[in-house]
């Protein structure tokens, strides 16, 4: 009986959709804060630049979550972790370098620096959400096997 009460008290891990939505909420909350601080540091409006950086990092972190979830489902968590890391780091890095080399406005708006800020924000959020998804897979597998082997199954 204590085992049943402890499993019901544990918070359920998020689904992939909920994890992606939570990541979006983190980016939406961070956007005005980063833009306001960026304006103070750069001494010019950086709202558009911060918006582009936020979208870029949100997309790459969301794709990393999806890749991790997919590879975890097929039984290869290591590939999910590595592909997620590559996508999460590679996309903002490549787009940031190309953008500052091709647009003076983005270079003057400190686009690459703002991408780095959003990269670290989404990295922390994505890591926490990835761990929650992994915990869900681990506990989900044990919970279902426990139910099948129970006295009612």
Protein backbone atom coordinates (compact mmCIF):
# COMPACT_ATOMS: atom_id res chain seq x y z
CA UNK A 1 0.00 0.00 0.00
CA UNK A 2 2.77 2.56 0.69
CA UNK A 3 4.13 1.95 -2.81
CA UNK A 4 0.79 2.96 -4.33
CA UNK A 5 0.54 6.13 -2.24
CA UNK A 6 4.09 7.19 -3.13
CA UNK A 7 3.50 6.71 -6.86
CA UNK A 8 0.29 8.76 -6.73
CA UNK A 9 2.07 11.59 -4.87
CA UNK A 10 4.79 11.91 -7.52
CA UNK A 11 4.23 14.61 -10.14
CA UNK A 12 3.51 13.27 -13.58
CA UNK A 13 6.17 14.20 -16.13
CA UNK A 14 5.11 16.43 -19.03
CA UNK A 15 4.20 15.09 -22.43
CA UNK A 16 6.30 16.20 -25.40
CA UNK A 17 3.68 18.81 -26.32
CA UNK A 18 3.54 20.16 -22.77
CA UNK A 19 7.35 20.29 -22.62
CA UNK A 20 7.47 22.27 -25.87
CA UNK A 21 4.76 24.62 -24.58
CA UNK A 22 6.68 25.17 -21.33
CA UNK A 23 9.80 25.96 -23.32
CA UNK A 24 7.81 28.53 -25.30
CA UNK A 25 6.55 30.11 -22.08
CA UNK A 26 10.12 30.43 -20.78
CA UNK A 27 11.19 32.18 -24.00
CA UNK A 28 8.14 34.49 -24.02
CA UNK A 29 8.82 35.51 -20.42
CA UNK A 30 12.54 36.01 -21.05
CA UNK A 31 12.06 38.03 -24.26
CA UNK A 32 11.07 41.41 -22.79
CA UNK A 33 13.61 41.09 -19.99
CA UNK A 34 16.46 40.39 -22.41
CA UNK A 35 15.29 43.12 -24.78
CA UNK A 36 15.10 45.73 -22.01
CA UNK A 37 18.53 44.84 -20.65
CA UNK A 38 19.91 44.76 -24.21
CA UNK A 39 18.55 48.24 -24.87
CA UNK A 40 20.30 49.53 -21.78
CA UNK A 41 23.61 47.97 -22.79
CA UNK A 42 23.54 48.75 -26.53
CA UNK A 43 21.90 52.18 -26.13
CA UNK A 44 19.50 51.51 -29.02
CA UNK A 45 16.32 49.48 -29.54
CA UNK A 46 17.00 45.75 -29.88
CA UNK A 47 13.42 44.41 -29.72
CA UNK A 48 13.49 43.02 -33.28
CA UNK A 49 16.95 41.57 -32.81
CA UNK A 50 15.93 40.01 -29.50
CA UNK A 51 12.79 38.62 -31.11
CA UNK A 52 14.77 36.98 -33.89
CA UNK A 53 17.24 35.53 -31.39
CA UNK A 54 14.42 34.26 -29.17
CA UNK A 55 12.65 32.55 -32.07
CA UNK A 56 15.91 31.05 -33.34
CA UNK A 57 16.86 29.57 -29.97
CA UNK A 58 13.30 28.44 -29.22
CA UNK A 59 13.09 26.60 -32.54
CA UNK A 60 16.43 24.87 -32.07
CA UNK A 61 15.66 23.89 -28.46
CA UNK A 62 12.21 22.61 -29.45
CA UNK A 63 13.74 20.55 -32.24
CA UNK A 64 16.26 19.18 -29.73
CA UNK A 65 13.39 18.12 -27.44
CA UNK A 66 11.60 16.43 -30.33
CA UNK A 67 14.75 14.60 -31.42
CA UNK A 68 15.50 13.45 -27.88
CA UNK A 69 11.93 12.22 -27.47
CA UNK A 70 12.00 10.38 -30.80
CA UNK A 71 15.31 8.63 -30.18
CA UNK A 72 14.30 7.84 -26.60
CA UNK A 73 11.13 6.18 -27.92
CA UNK A 74 13.12 3.96 -30.28
CA UNK A 75 15.50 3.01 -27.47
CA UNK A 76 18.55 5.10 -28.27
CA UNK A 77 18.75 7.86 -25.65
CA UNK A 78 22.43 8.50 -26.42
CA UNK A 79 21.63 9.34 -30.05
CA UNK A 80 18.80 11.57 -28.84
CA UNK A 81 21.08 13.42 -26.48
CA UNK A 82 23.83 13.86 -29.08
CA UNK A 83 21.50 14.91 -31.91
CA UNK A 84 19.68 17.29 -29.57
CA UNK A 85 22.97 18.87 -28.53
CA UNK A 86 24.09 19.23 -32.13
CA UNK A 87 20.82 20.89 -33.18
CA UNK A 88 20.52 23.07 -30.08
CA UNK A 89 24.06 24.40 -30.53
CA UNK A 90 24.57 24.17 -34.28
CA UNK A 91 21.54 26.02 -35.58
CA UNK A 92 21.96 29.20 -33.48
CA UNK A 93 25.71 29.19 -34.05
CA UNK A 94 25.52 28.89 -37.83
CA UNK A 95 22.57 31.28 -38.23
CA UNK A 96 24.17 33.78 -35.85
CA UNK A 97 27.47 33.81 -37.71
CA UNK A 98 25.81 34.09 -41.11
CA UNK A 99 23.47 36.84 -39.88
CA UNK A 100 26.15 39.08 -38.41
CA UNK A 101 28.29 38.65 -41.51
CA UNK A 102 25.47 39.53 -43.90
CA UNK A 103 23.51 42.21 -42.04
CA UNK A 104 24.98 45.36 -40.58
CA UNK A 105 21.75 46.02 -38.66
CA UNK A 106 22.01 42.66 -36.89
CA UNK A 107 25.70 43.19 -36.23
CA UNK A 108 25.04 46.64 -34.74
CA UNK A 109 22.13 45.26 -32.74
CA UNK A 110 24.46 42.74 -31.14
CA UNK A 111 22.50 39.82 -32.58
CA UNK A 112 25.12 37.20 -31.81
CA UNK A 113 25.41 38.30 -28.17
CA UNK A 114 21.63 38.19 -27.77
CA UNK A 115 21.56 34.74 -29.38
CA UNK A 116 24.07 33.61 -26.75
CA UNK A 117 21.84 34.93 -23.96
CA UNK A 118 18.80 33.11 -25.35
CA UNK A 119 20.90 30.04 -26.01
CA UNK A 120 21.78 29.75 -22.34
CA UNK A 121 18.19 30.44 -21.25
CA UNK A 122 16.82 27.76 -23.58
CA UNK A 123 19.67 25.39 -22.70
CA UNK A 124 18.70 25.44 -19.03
CA UNK A 125 14.98 25.09 -19.77
CA UNK A 126 15.55 22.40 -22.40
CA UNK A 127 17.82 20.42 -20.06
CA UNK A 128 15.25 20.48 -17.25
CA UNK A 129 12.47 19.47 -19.65
CA UNK A 130 14.60 16.73 -21.22
CA UNK A 131 15.28 15.30 -17.78
CA UNK A 132 11.55 15.40 -17.03
CA UNK A 133 10.79 13.59 -20.29
CA UNK A 134 13.46 11.00 -19.51
CA UNK A 135 12.07 10.54 -16.00
CA UNK A 136 8.64 10.06 -17.50
CA UNK A 137 9.87 7.33 -19.80
CA UNK A 138 11.68 5.61 -16.94
CA UNK A 139 8.81 5.77 -14.46
CA UNK A 140 6.21 5.09 -17.14
CA UNK A 141 7.88 1.81 -18.01
CA UNK A 142 8.08 0.69 -14.38
CA UNK A 143 4.55 1.79 -13.56
CA UNK A 144 3.02 -0.17 -16.43
CA UNK A 145 5.04 -3.30 -15.65
CA UNK A 146 4.05 -2.98 -11.99
CA UNK A 147 0.37 -2.80 -12.90
CA UNK A 148 0.56 -5.87 -15.12
CA UNK A 149 2.22 -7.92 -12.41
CA UNK A 150 -0.14 -6.72 -9.66
CA UNK A 151 -2.94 -8.70 -8.05
CA UNK A 152 -5.56 -7.10 -10.30
CA UNK A 153 -3.75 -7.66 -13.60
